[in-house]
Amino acid sequence: MEFKTRSPSAVSERQLAEIVSVEIERIKSIPTGRAALFH
């Protein structure tokens, strides 16, 4: 993501990683989401 490194945004890398991990956990908890992710 060159856009992220070029200019400092409101979302820090730690926040971004946290959001991503939460989304992954949320997808894992949904059977249909899991099927879509690992088909």
Protein backbone atom coordinates (compact mmCIF):
# COMPACT_ATOMS: atom_id res chain seq x y z
CA MET A 1 0.00 0.00 0.00
CA GLU A 2 2.08 2.92 -1.24
CA PHE A 3 -0.82 5.30 -0.52
CA LYS A 4 -0.64 4.47 3.19
CA THR A 5 3.13 4.94 3.42
CA ARG A 6 3.10 8.14 1.36
CA SER A 7 0.87 10.12 3.72
CA PRO A 8 0.09 9.58 7.42
CA SER A 9 -3.58 8.72 7.82
CA ALA A 10 -5.92 8.64 10.83
CA VAL A 11 -5.68 4.85 10.89
CA SER A 12 -2.40 3.63 12.34
CA GLU A 13 -0.89 0.27 11.40
CA ARG A 14 -1.80 -1.16 14.81
CA GLN A 15 -5.43 -0.10 14.39
CA LEU A 16 -5.43 -1.57 10.89
CA ALA A 17 -4.05 -4.91 12.13
CA GLU A 18 -6.65 -4.94 14.89
CA ILE A 19 -9.48 -4.30 12.42
CA VAL A 20 -8.21 -7.05 10.11
CA SER A 21 -7.95 -9.61 12.92
CA VAL A 22 -11.46 -8.74 14.14
CA GLU A 23 -12.83 -9.13 10.62
CA ILE A 24 -11.09 -12.51 10.25
CA GLU A 25 -12.58 -13.73 13.55
CA ARG A 26 -16.00 -12.48 12.49
CA ILE A 27 -15.75 -14.31 9.15
CA LYS A 28 -14.57 -17.48 10.89
CA SER A 29 -17.60 -17.40 13.19
CA ILE A 30 -19.98 -17.33 10.20
CA PRO A 31 -20.32 -20.76 8.47
CA THR A 32 -21.22 -19.22 5.11
CA GLY A 33 -18.36 -16.73 5.37
CA ARG A 34 -15.99 -19.58 6.14
CA ALA A 35 -17.23 -21.55 3.13
CA ALA A 36 -16.77 -18.51 0.89
CA LEU A 37 -13.27 -17.94 2.24
CA PHE A 38 -12.05 -21.54 1.91
CA HIS A 39 -13.81 -22.96 -1.16
